[in-house]
């Protein structure tokens, strides 16, 4: 079974603010529910995002705030959803982050995910939430520790392995870092 632990903000039950697409705690809780149903961990594959979401922030913001209020876009009986934002490929996220942003990469320890703020070409303030090698390594390690069959990124074409999509030579290194994070799923080496 491929357990999709991304797009978890499709129904936002709390405040209408931008946040992580795939929080580690949500992934762990979701996998735990499959295990509680008696499904063997060796039959589960953890699906993770190699993309993120950009959210236009509502109200008057300087661009350095930690919280980004988002538009109320109802979905299935709740007042907010990730439909207030747009899905962005990891290669485009890195191109934005490596350019001019209003904040550096930040880390939200409560959801174990990175984010940053930037100003779009129309002048509006946006907040970008995404997964990167650091946040993914935590998810891969959790899958390993639970004894899952594997992990599966969605989608491979969100990277820029040759630097042709973004025109950035660093895209090659960034792609290698994403693939290298998969090593966190490898079995722990026994101490000698």
N, C-alpha and C. Protein backbone atom coordinates (compact mmCIF):
# COMPACT_ATOMS: atom_id res chain seq x y z
N UNK A 1 0.83 -1.18 0.00
CA UNK A 1 0.00 0.00 0.00
C UNK A 1 0.88 1.24 0.00
N UNK A 2 0.59 2.15 -0.87
CA UNK A 2 1.29 3.44 -0.92
C UNK A 2 0.52 4.41 -0.04
N UNK A 3 1.12 4.83 1.06
CA UNK A 3 0.46 5.72 2.01
C UNK A 3 0.89 7.15 1.71
N UNK A 4 -0.01 7.89 1.12
CA UNK A 4 0.25 9.27 0.72
C UNK A 4 0.19 10.18 1.95
N UNK A 5 1.32 10.72 2.37
CA UNK A 5 1.33 11.62 3.53
C UNK A 5 1.63 13.06 3.09
N UNK A 6 1.10 13.42 1.95
CA UNK A 6 1.22 14.79 1.47
C UNK A 6 -0.17 15.32 1.13
N UNK A 7 -0.23 16.60 0.89
CA UNK A 7 -1.50 17.31 0.69
C UNK A 7 -2.41 17.16 1.91
N UNK A 8 -1.80 17.16 3.08
CA UNK A 8 -2.58 17.01 4.31
C UNK A 8 -3.29 18.29 4.71
N UNK A 9 -3.09 19.36 3.97
CA UNK A 9 -3.77 20.62 4.26
C UNK A 9 -4.98 20.81 3.34
N UNK A 10 -5.45 19.74 2.71
CA UNK A 10 -6.62 19.88 1.84
C UNK A 10 -7.87 20.23 2.64
N UNK A 11 -7.87 19.91 3.91
CA UNK A 11 -8.93 20.34 4.82
C UNK A 11 -8.24 20.91 6.06
N UNK A 12 -8.36 22.21 6.26
CA UNK A 12 -7.71 22.88 7.38
C UNK A 12 -8.76 23.09 8.46
N UNK A 13 -8.59 22.39 9.57
CA UNK A 13 -9.57 22.45 10.64
C UNK A 13 -9.24 23.51 11.68
N UNK A 14 -8.06 24.14 11.58
CA UNK A 14 -7.70 25.16 12.54
C UNK A 14 -7.67 26.53 11.85
N UNK A 15 -6.81 27.41 12.28
CA UNK A 15 -6.74 28.75 11.70
C UNK A 15 -6.38 28.69 10.23
N UNK A 16 -6.86 29.65 9.48
CA UNK A 16 -6.57 29.74 8.04
C UNK A 16 -5.21 30.39 7.85
N UNK A 17 -4.16 29.61 8.06
CA UNK A 17 -2.79 30.08 7.84
C UNK A 17 -2.05 29.05 7.01
N UNK A 18 -1.04 29.53 6.29
CA UNK A 18 -0.20 28.62 5.52
C UNK A 18 0.57 27.72 6.48
N UNK A 19 0.80 26.49 6.06
CA UNK A 19 1.58 25.58 6.89
C UNK A 19 2.09 24.42 6.04
N UNK A 20 2.75 23.49 6.70
CA UNK A 20 3.42 22.38 6.02
C UNK A 20 2.45 21.49 5.26
N UNK A 21 2.91 21.01 4.14
CA UNK A 21 2.17 20.09 3.29
C UNK A 21 2.17 18.68 3.86
N UNK A 22 3.26 18.31 4.53
CA UNK A 22 3.42 16.94 5.04
C UNK A 22 4.14 16.95 6.39
N UNK A 23 3.46 17.43 7.46
CA UNK A 23 4.12 17.45 8.77
C UNK A 23 4.52 16.04 9.21
N UNK A 24 5.69 15.93 9.85
CA UNK A 24 6.19 14.64 10.31
C UNK A 24 5.20 13.96 11.26
N UNK A 25 4.62 14.72 12.19
CA UNK A 25 3.70 14.12 13.16
C UNK A 25 2.46 13.56 12.49
N UNK A 26 2.00 14.21 11.43
CA UNK A 26 0.82 13.73 10.70
C UNK A 26 1.18 12.42 9.97
N UNK A 27 2.37 12.38 9.39
CA UNK A 27 2.83 11.15 8.72
C UNK A 27 2.90 10.00 9.72
N UNK A 28 3.49 10.27 10.88
CA UNK A 28 3.61 9.22 11.90
C UNK A 28 2.24 8.75 12.39
N UNK A 29 1.33 9.70 12.60
CA UNK A 29 -0.02 9.33 13.05
C UNK A 29 -0.74 8.52 11.99
N UNK A 30 -0.62 8.94 10.75
CA UNK A 30 -1.28 8.22 9.66
C UNK A 30 -0.76 6.80 9.51
N UNK A 31 0.55 6.64 9.56
CA UNK A 31 1.13 5.30 9.48
C UNK A 31 0.70 4.46 10.67
N UNK A 32 0.66 5.07 11.84
CA UNK A 32 0.23 4.37 13.04
C UNK A 32 -1.18 3.82 12.91
N UNK A 33 -2.03 4.54 12.24
CA UNK A 33 -3.41 4.06 12.06
C UNK A 33 -3.47 2.83 11.17
N UNK A 34 -2.63 2.79 10.13
CA UNK A 34 -2.57 1.59 9.29
C UNK A 34 -2.08 0.40 10.13
N UNK A 35 -1.07 0.65 10.94
CA UNK A 35 -0.54 -0.42 11.78
C UNK A 35 -1.58 -0.87 12.81
N UNK A 36 -2.34 0.08 13.36
CA UNK A 36 -3.41 -0.25 14.31
C UNK A 36 -4.48 -1.13 13.68
N UNK A 37 -4.66 -1.01 12.37
CA UNK A 37 -5.63 -1.84 11.65
C UNK A 37 -5.11 -3.26 11.41
N UNK A 38 -3.85 -3.48 11.79
CA UNK A 38 -3.26 -4.80 11.62
C UNK A 38 -2.54 -4.99 10.30
N UNK A 39 -2.36 -3.92 9.55
CA UNK A 39 -1.63 -4.03 8.28
C UNK A 39 -0.14 -4.11 8.61
N UNK A 40 0.50 -5.11 8.07
CA UNK A 40 1.93 -5.33 8.34
C UNK A 40 2.75 -4.17 7.78
N UNK A 41 3.72 -3.67 8.55
CA UNK A 41 4.55 -2.58 8.06
C UNK A 41 5.28 -2.94 6.76
N UNK A 42 5.59 -4.20 6.59
CA UNK A 42 6.30 -4.65 5.38
C UNK A 42 5.43 -4.56 4.13
N UNK A 43 4.17 -4.16 4.29
CA UNK A 43 3.28 -3.98 3.14
C UNK A 43 3.04 -2.50 2.84
N UNK A 44 3.69 -1.62 3.60
CA UNK A 44 3.45 -0.18 3.47
C UNK A 44 4.63 0.55 2.85
N UNK A 45 4.33 1.48 1.96
CA UNK A 45 5.32 2.38 1.36
C UNK A 45 4.89 3.80 1.72
N UNK A 46 5.81 4.57 2.28
CA UNK A 46 5.52 5.95 2.66
C UNK A 46 5.70 6.86 1.45
N UNK A 47 4.62 7.51 1.02
CA UNK A 47 4.67 8.45 -0.08
C UNK A 47 4.91 9.85 0.43
N UNK A 48 5.95 10.51 -0.09
CA UNK A 48 6.34 11.85 0.36
C UNK A 48 6.39 12.83 -0.81
N UNK A 49 6.23 14.12 -0.53
CA UNK A 49 6.22 15.11 -1.61
C UNK A 49 7.62 15.63 -1.95
N UNK A 50 7.89 15.73 -3.23
CA UNK A 50 9.07 16.44 -3.69
C UNK A 50 8.61 17.75 -4.33
N UNK A 51 7.67 18.38 -3.65
CA UNK A 51 7.13 19.67 -4.09
C UNK A 51 6.63 20.40 -2.86
N UNK A 52 6.12 21.59 -3.06
CA UNK A 52 5.58 22.36 -1.95
C UNK A 52 4.41 23.19 -2.38
N UNK A 53 3.97 24.07 -1.50
CA UNK A 53 2.86 24.97 -1.79
C UNK A 53 3.26 26.41 -1.52
N UNK A 54 2.88 27.29 -2.42
CA UNK A 54 3.04 28.71 -2.20
C UNK A 54 1.65 29.28 -1.91
N UNK A 55 1.59 30.09 -0.86
CA UNK A 55 0.33 30.68 -0.43
C UNK A 55 0.43 32.20 -0.48
N UNK A 56 -0.51 32.87 -1.17
CA UNK A 56 -0.54 34.33 -1.07
C UNK A 56 -1.07 34.72 0.31
N UNK A 57 -0.32 35.58 0.99
CA UNK A 57 -0.71 36.01 2.34
C UNK A 57 -1.75 37.13 2.25
N UNK A 58 -2.71 37.08 3.13
CA UNK A 58 -3.78 38.07 3.18
C UNK A 58 -3.43 39.17 4.19
N UNK A 59 -3.96 40.36 3.95
CA UNK A 59 -3.76 41.46 4.89
C UNK A 59 -2.47 42.20 4.65
N UNK A 60 -2.21 43.15 5.49
CA UNK A 60 -1.00 43.96 5.39
C UNK A 60 0.15 43.25 6.08
N UNK A 61 1.11 42.84 5.31
CA UNK A 61 2.26 42.13 5.86
C UNK A 61 3.54 42.80 5.38
N UNK A 62 4.54 42.79 6.23
CA UNK A 62 5.85 43.32 5.84
C UNK A 62 6.63 42.29 5.04
N UNK A 63 6.27 41.03 5.22
CA UNK A 63 6.95 39.94 4.51
C UNK A 63 7.89 39.15 5.38
N UNK A 64 8.08 39.58 6.62
CA UNK A 64 9.00 38.85 7.51
C UNK A 64 8.26 38.07 8.59
N UNK A 65 6.96 38.14 8.61
CA UNK A 65 6.17 37.45 9.63
C UNK A 65 6.30 35.93 9.51
N UNK A 66 6.13 35.27 10.65
CA UNK A 66 6.16 33.80 10.67
C UNK A 66 4.83 33.21 10.20
N UNK A 67 3.75 33.96 10.39
CA UNK A 67 2.42 33.46 10.03
C UNK A 67 1.90 34.18 8.80
N UNK A 68 1.26 33.41 7.94
CA UNK A 68 0.71 33.95 6.70
C UNK A 68 -0.77 33.59 6.65
N UNK A 69 -1.66 34.56 6.97
CA UNK A 69 -3.10 34.27 6.85
C UNK A 69 -3.43 34.02 5.37
N UNK A 70 -4.24 33.00 5.12
CA UNK A 70 -4.59 32.67 3.73
C UNK A 70 -6.09 32.86 3.51
N UNK A 71 -6.46 32.96 2.25
CA UNK A 71 -7.87 33.14 1.88
C UNK A 71 -8.68 31.92 2.30
N UNK A 72 -9.92 32.16 2.66
CA UNK A 72 -10.82 31.06 3.00
C UNK A 72 -11.33 30.44 1.70
N UNK A 73 -10.89 29.23 1.43
CA UNK A 73 -11.33 28.48 0.26
C UNK A 73 -11.93 27.18 0.79
N UNK A 74 -13.26 27.14 0.95
CA UNK A 74 -13.91 25.97 1.55
C UNK A 74 -13.67 24.68 0.75
N UNK A 75 -13.62 23.58 1.49
CA UNK A 75 -13.48 22.26 0.86
C UNK A 75 -14.08 21.22 1.80
N UNK A 76 -15.03 20.48 1.31
CA UNK A 76 -15.67 19.38 2.04
C UNK A 76 -16.05 19.74 3.48
N UNK A 77 -16.74 20.86 3.61
CA UNK A 77 -17.30 21.22 4.91
C UNK A 77 -16.40 21.98 5.85
N UNK A 78 -15.20 22.34 5.43
CA UNK A 78 -14.34 23.18 6.27
C UNK A 78 -14.08 24.49 5.53
N UNK A 79 -13.71 25.52 6.29
CA UNK A 79 -13.60 26.83 5.68
C UNK A 79 -12.29 27.10 4.96
N UNK A 80 -11.27 26.30 5.20
CA UNK A 80 -9.97 26.54 4.57
C UNK A 80 -9.42 25.27 3.94
N UNK A 81 -8.59 25.45 2.92
CA UNK A 81 -7.95 24.31 2.28
C UNK A 81 -6.68 24.75 1.57
N UNK A 82 -5.88 23.76 1.12
CA UNK A 82 -4.67 24.10 0.38
C UNK A 82 -4.98 24.68 -1.00
N UNK A 83 -6.25 24.69 -1.38
CA UNK A 83 -6.65 25.31 -2.65
C UNK A 83 -6.40 26.82 -2.63
N UNK A 84 -6.13 27.39 -1.45
CA UNK A 84 -5.76 28.80 -1.35
C UNK A 84 -4.35 29.02 -1.91
N UNK A 85 -3.60 27.94 -2.07
CA UNK A 85 -2.24 28.03 -2.59
C UNK A 85 -2.10 27.32 -3.91
N UNK A 86 -0.85 27.20 -4.34
CA UNK A 86 -0.54 26.51 -5.60
C UNK A 86 0.63 25.57 -5.38
N UNK A 87 0.55 24.40 -6.00
CA UNK A 87 1.63 23.42 -5.91
C UNK A 87 2.81 23.89 -6.76
N UNK A 88 4.02 23.78 -6.20
CA UNK A 88 5.24 24.22 -6.88
C UNK A 88 6.29 23.11 -6.81
N UNK A 89 6.93 22.81 -7.93
CA UNK A 89 7.98 21.79 -7.98
C UNK A 89 9.18 22.20 -7.14
N UNK A 90 9.87 21.21 -6.56
CA UNK A 90 11.04 21.48 -5.72
C UNK A 90 12.09 22.30 -6.48
N UNK A 91 12.32 22.01 -7.74
CA UNK A 91 13.32 22.76 -8.50
C UNK A 91 12.96 24.25 -8.58
N UNK A 92 11.70 24.56 -8.73
CA UNK A 92 11.27 25.98 -8.76
C UNK A 92 11.38 26.60 -7.38
N UNK A 93 11.08 25.83 -6.34
CA UNK A 93 11.21 26.33 -4.97
C UNK A 93 12.65 26.72 -4.70
N UNK A 94 13.59 25.84 -5.07
CA UNK A 94 15.00 26.13 -4.85
C UNK A 94 15.45 27.34 -5.66
N UNK A 95 14.93 27.50 -6.87
CA UNK A 95 15.28 28.67 -7.67
C UNK A 95 14.80 29.94 -6.97
N UNK A 96 13.59 29.90 -6.40
CA UNK A 96 13.08 31.05 -5.65
C UNK A 96 13.95 31.30 -4.41
N UNK A 97 14.23 30.25 -3.67
CA UNK A 97 14.99 30.39 -2.43
C UNK A 97 16.41 30.90 -2.69
N UNK A 98 16.99 30.49 -3.79
CA UNK A 98 18.34 30.92 -4.13
C UNK A 98 18.36 32.33 -4.72
N UNK A 99 17.16 32.87 -4.98
CA UNK A 99 17.06 34.24 -5.50
C UNK A 99 16.82 35.20 -4.35
N UNK A 100 16.03 36.21 -4.62
CA UNK A 100 15.73 37.20 -3.58
C UNK A 100 14.46 36.80 -2.84
N UNK A 101 14.61 36.57 -1.55
CA UNK A 101 13.47 36.25 -0.70
C UNK A 101 13.39 37.29 0.41
N UNK A 102 12.24 37.38 1.04
CA UNK A 102 12.07 38.32 2.14
C UNK A 102 12.60 37.74 3.46
N UNK A 103 12.67 36.43 3.52
CA UNK A 103 13.25 35.75 4.69
C UNK A 103 14.17 34.65 4.18
N UNK A 104 15.13 34.25 4.98
CA UNK A 104 15.90 33.06 4.61
C UNK A 104 15.02 31.83 4.84
N UNK A 105 15.56 30.67 4.50
CA UNK A 105 14.87 29.42 4.82
C UNK A 105 14.69 29.39 6.33
N UNK A 106 13.47 29.09 6.75
CA UNK A 106 13.16 28.96 8.17
C UNK A 106 12.75 27.52 8.44
N UNK A 107 12.81 27.13 9.72
CA UNK A 107 12.44 25.78 10.11
C UNK A 107 11.37 25.85 11.18
N UNK A 108 10.24 25.18 10.95
CA UNK A 108 9.18 25.12 11.95
C UNK A 108 9.32 23.78 12.66
N UNK A 109 9.79 23.82 13.91
CA UNK A 109 10.06 22.58 14.64
C UNK A 109 8.78 21.84 15.02
N UNK A 110 7.64 22.53 15.05
CA UNK A 110 6.40 21.83 15.41
C UNK A 110 5.91 20.90 14.30
N UNK A 111 6.24 21.21 13.05
CA UNK A 111 5.83 20.36 11.92
C UNK A 111 7.03 19.76 11.19
N UNK A 112 8.24 20.12 11.65
CA UNK A 112 9.48 19.60 11.07
C UNK A 112 9.57 19.85 9.57
N UNK A 113 9.30 21.10 9.19
CA UNK A 113 9.31 21.48 7.77
C UNK A 113 9.88 22.88 7.57
N UNK A 114 10.50 23.09 6.40
CA UNK A 114 11.02 24.42 6.08
C UNK A 114 9.99 25.28 5.36
N UNK A 115 10.21 26.58 5.43
CA UNK A 115 9.38 27.54 4.71
C UNK A 115 10.16 28.85 4.57
N UNK A 116 9.68 29.72 3.72
CA UNK A 116 10.24 31.06 3.58
C UNK A 116 9.19 31.97 2.97
N UNK A 117 9.42 33.27 3.08
CA UNK A 117 8.52 34.28 2.51
C UNK A 117 9.22 34.95 1.33
N UNK A 118 8.44 35.31 0.33
CA UNK A 118 8.99 36.02 -0.82
C UNK A 118 7.91 36.94 -1.39
N UNK A 119 8.34 37.84 -2.24
CA UNK A 119 7.41 38.76 -2.91
C UNK A 119 7.30 38.33 -4.36
N UNK A 120 6.07 38.11 -4.82
CA UNK A 120 5.87 37.67 -6.20
C UNK A 120 6.00 38.86 -7.14
N UNK A 121 5.99 38.59 -8.42
CA UNK A 121 6.17 39.65 -9.42
C UNK A 121 5.05 40.69 -9.38
N UNK A 122 3.87 40.31 -8.86
CA UNK A 122 2.78 41.28 -8.76
C UNK A 122 2.85 42.10 -7.46
N UNK A 123 3.89 41.86 -6.66
CA UNK A 123 4.08 42.63 -5.43
C UNK A 123 3.47 42.01 -4.19
N UNK A 124 2.71 40.94 -4.34
CA UNK A 124 2.07 40.31 -3.18
C UNK A 124 3.08 39.45 -2.41
N UNK A 125 2.82 39.33 -1.10
CA UNK A 125 3.68 38.52 -0.23
C UNK A 125 3.16 37.09 -0.24
N UNK A 126 4.07 36.14 -0.40
CA UNK A 126 3.74 34.71 -0.40
C UNK A 126 4.57 33.99 0.65
N UNK A 127 4.03 32.88 1.13
CA UNK A 127 4.79 32.00 2.00
C UNK A 127 4.86 30.64 1.32
N UNK A 128 6.07 30.11 1.23
CA UNK A 128 6.33 28.82 0.57
C UNK A 128 6.62 27.77 1.63
N UNK A 129 5.83 26.70 1.62
CA UNK A 129 6.06 25.54 2.49
C UNK A 129 6.44 24.37 1.61
N UNK A 130 7.44 23.60 2.01
CA UNK A 130 7.94 22.53 1.15
C UNK A 130 8.69 21.50 1.97
N UNK A 131 9.09 20.42 1.33
CA UNK A 131 9.98 19.44 1.95
C UNK A 131 11.31 19.50 1.23
N UNK A 132 12.36 19.29 2.00
CA UNK A 132 13.72 19.31 1.46
C UNK A 132 14.47 18.12 2.05
N UNK A 133 15.75 17.95 1.74
CA UNK A 133 16.46 16.78 2.26
C UNK A 133 16.38 16.63 3.79
N UNK A 134 16.41 17.73 4.53
CA UNK A 134 16.36 17.64 6.00
C UNK A 134 15.00 17.11 6.48
N UNK A 135 13.91 17.67 5.98
CA UNK A 135 12.59 17.23 6.44
C UNK A 135 12.26 15.83 5.92
N UNK A 136 12.70 15.54 4.70
CA UNK A 136 12.44 14.21 4.14
C UNK A 136 13.24 13.13 4.87
N UNK A 137 14.47 13.44 5.25
CA UNK A 137 15.29 12.45 5.97
C UNK A 137 14.60 12.03 7.27
N UNK A 138 13.91 12.96 7.92
CA UNK A 138 13.18 12.61 9.15
C UNK A 138 12.03 11.64 8.85
N UNK A 139 11.34 11.87 7.75
CA UNK A 139 10.23 10.98 7.35
C UNK A 139 10.77 9.61 6.93
N UNK A 140 11.86 9.61 6.18
CA UNK A 140 12.46 8.34 5.75
C UNK A 140 12.91 7.53 6.96
N UNK A 141 13.53 8.19 7.94
CA UNK A 141 13.99 7.50 9.15
C UNK A 141 12.80 6.94 9.94
N UNK A 142 11.70 7.69 9.99
CA UNK A 142 10.50 7.21 10.68
C UNK A 142 9.96 5.95 9.99
N UNK A 143 9.96 5.96 8.66
CA UNK A 143 9.50 4.79 7.90
C UNK A 143 10.41 3.59 8.16
N UNK A 144 11.70 3.84 8.18
CA UNK A 144 12.67 2.77 8.48
C UNK A 144 12.43 2.20 9.87
N UNK A 145 12.28 3.09 10.87
CA UNK A 145 12.10 2.65 12.25
C UNK A 145 10.82 1.86 12.45
N UNK A 146 9.80 2.13 11.62
CA UNK A 146 8.55 1.37 11.71
C UNK A 146 8.61 0.06 10.93
N UNK A 147 9.68 -0.15 10.16
CA UNK A 147 9.83 -1.38 9.40
C UNK A 147 9.06 -1.40 8.10
N UNK A 148 8.79 -0.21 7.52
CA UNK A 148 8.04 -0.15 6.26
C UNK A 148 8.82 -0.78 5.11
N UNK A 149 8.08 -1.19 4.09
CA UNK A 149 8.67 -1.78 2.89
C UNK A 149 9.55 -0.77 2.15
N UNK A 150 9.11 0.47 2.10
CA UNK A 150 9.88 1.47 1.36
C UNK A 150 9.31 2.86 1.49
N UNK A 151 9.91 3.76 0.72
CA UNK A 151 9.45 5.14 0.62
C UNK A 151 9.36 5.48 -0.86
N UNK A 152 8.44 6.38 -1.19
CA UNK A 152 8.25 6.73 -2.59
C UNK A 152 7.97 8.21 -2.77
N UNK A 153 8.90 8.92 -3.38
CA UNK A 153 8.69 10.34 -3.64
C UNK A 153 7.63 10.58 -4.71
N UNK A 154 6.91 11.67 -4.56
CA UNK A 154 5.97 12.13 -5.58
C UNK A 154 6.33 13.59 -5.84
N UNK A 155 6.74 13.94 -6.94
CA UNK A 155 7.05 13.22 -8.15
C UNK A 155 8.51 13.43 -8.52
N UNK A 156 9.07 12.49 -9.24
CA UNK A 156 10.47 12.56 -9.62
C UNK A 156 10.75 13.75 -10.53
N UNK A 157 9.80 14.12 -11.37
CA UNK A 157 10.06 15.21 -12.32
C UNK A 157 9.97 16.60 -11.68
N UNK A 158 9.81 16.66 -10.36
CA UNK A 158 9.84 17.94 -9.66
C UNK A 158 11.28 18.40 -9.38
N UNK A 159 12.24 17.57 -9.76
CA UNK A 159 13.65 17.92 -9.63
C UNK A 159 14.17 18.43 -10.96
N UNK A 160 15.38 18.97 -10.94
CA UNK A 160 16.02 19.50 -12.15
C UNK A 160 17.42 18.90 -12.23
N UNK A 161 17.53 17.59 -12.57
CA UNK A 161 18.81 16.90 -12.47
C UNK A 161 19.92 17.43 -13.38
N UNK A 162 19.58 18.10 -14.46
CA UNK A 162 20.61 18.62 -15.35
C UNK A 162 20.70 20.14 -15.31
N UNK A 163 19.85 20.77 -14.51
CA UNK A 163 19.86 22.23 -14.43
C UNK A 163 19.24 22.92 -15.62
N UNK A 164 18.50 22.16 -16.45
CA UNK A 164 17.92 22.73 -17.67
C UNK A 164 16.60 23.45 -17.42
N UNK A 165 15.82 22.99 -16.44
CA UNK A 165 14.52 23.63 -16.17
C UNK A 165 14.70 25.03 -15.60
N UNK A 166 15.66 25.17 -14.70
CA UNK A 166 15.86 26.44 -14.00
C UNK A 166 17.04 27.23 -14.53
N UNK A 167 17.91 26.58 -15.30
CA UNK A 167 19.11 27.25 -15.77
C UNK A 167 20.12 27.46 -14.66
N UNK A 168 19.99 26.71 -13.58
CA UNK A 168 20.87 26.84 -12.42
C UNK A 168 21.83 25.66 -12.34
N UNK A 169 23.12 25.91 -12.37
CA UNK A 169 24.07 24.81 -12.20
C UNK A 169 23.90 24.10 -10.84
N UNK A 170 23.49 24.84 -9.80
CA UNK A 170 23.31 24.25 -8.46
C UNK A 170 22.17 23.24 -8.43
N UNK A 171 21.29 23.25 -9.44
CA UNK A 171 20.17 22.32 -9.46
C UNK A 171 20.66 20.87 -9.47
N UNK A 172 21.82 20.64 -10.08
CA UNK A 172 22.37 19.28 -10.11
C UNK A 172 22.70 18.83 -8.69
N UNK A 173 23.36 19.69 -7.92
CA UNK A 173 23.70 19.37 -6.53
C UNK A 173 22.44 19.22 -5.69
N UNK A 174 21.47 20.10 -5.89
CA UNK A 174 20.22 20.02 -5.13
C UNK A 174 19.49 18.72 -5.41
N UNK A 175 19.52 18.26 -6.64
CA UNK A 175 18.91 16.98 -7.01
C UNK A 175 19.64 15.84 -6.31
N UNK A 176 20.97 15.88 -6.32
CA UNK A 176 21.76 14.85 -5.66
C UNK A 176 21.45 14.81 -4.16
N UNK A 177 21.25 15.97 -3.54
CA UNK A 177 20.94 16.03 -2.11
C UNK A 177 19.58 15.38 -1.82
N UNK A 178 18.61 15.59 -2.71
CA UNK A 178 17.30 14.97 -2.51
C UNK A 178 17.41 13.45 -2.58
N UNK A 179 18.16 12.94 -3.55
CA UNK A 179 18.35 11.50 -3.67
C UNK A 179 19.15 10.96 -2.50
N UNK A 180 20.15 11.70 -2.04
CA UNK A 180 20.99 11.25 -0.93
C UNK A 180 20.19 11.12 0.36
N UNK A 181 19.17 11.94 0.52
CA UNK A 181 18.34 11.87 1.74
C UNK A 181 17.68 10.51 1.88
N UNK A 182 17.48 9.81 0.77
CA UNK A 182 16.87 8.48 0.83
C UNK A 182 17.71 7.50 1.65
N UNK A 183 18.98 7.79 1.84
CA UNK A 183 19.84 6.92 2.64
C UNK A 183 19.34 6.84 4.09
N UNK A 184 18.56 7.80 4.51
CA UNK A 184 17.99 7.77 5.87
C UNK A 184 17.04 6.60 6.06
N UNK A 185 16.57 6.03 4.97
CA UNK A 185 15.70 4.86 5.04
C UNK A 185 16.49 3.57 5.21
N UNK A 186 17.77 3.62 4.89
CA UNK A 186 18.60 2.42 4.98
C UNK A 186 18.68 1.92 6.42
N UNK A 187 18.80 0.61 6.59
CA UNK A 187 18.89 0.06 7.95
C UNK A 187 20.06 0.69 8.72
N UNK A 188 19.86 0.87 10.01
CA UNK A 188 20.92 1.39 10.86
C UNK A 188 22.05 0.37 10.94
N UNK A 189 23.27 0.87 10.92
CA UNK A 189 24.43 -0.02 11.03
C UNK A 189 24.62 -0.41 12.48
N UNK A 190 24.89 -1.66 12.69
CA UNK A 190 25.13 -2.18 14.04
C UNK A 190 26.45 -1.67 14.57
N UNK A 191 26.49 -1.29 15.83
CA UNK A 191 27.73 -0.88 16.46
C UNK A 191 28.63 -2.10 16.64
N UNK A 192 29.90 -1.93 16.41
CA UNK A 192 30.84 -3.05 16.52
C UNK A 192 31.44 -3.08 17.88
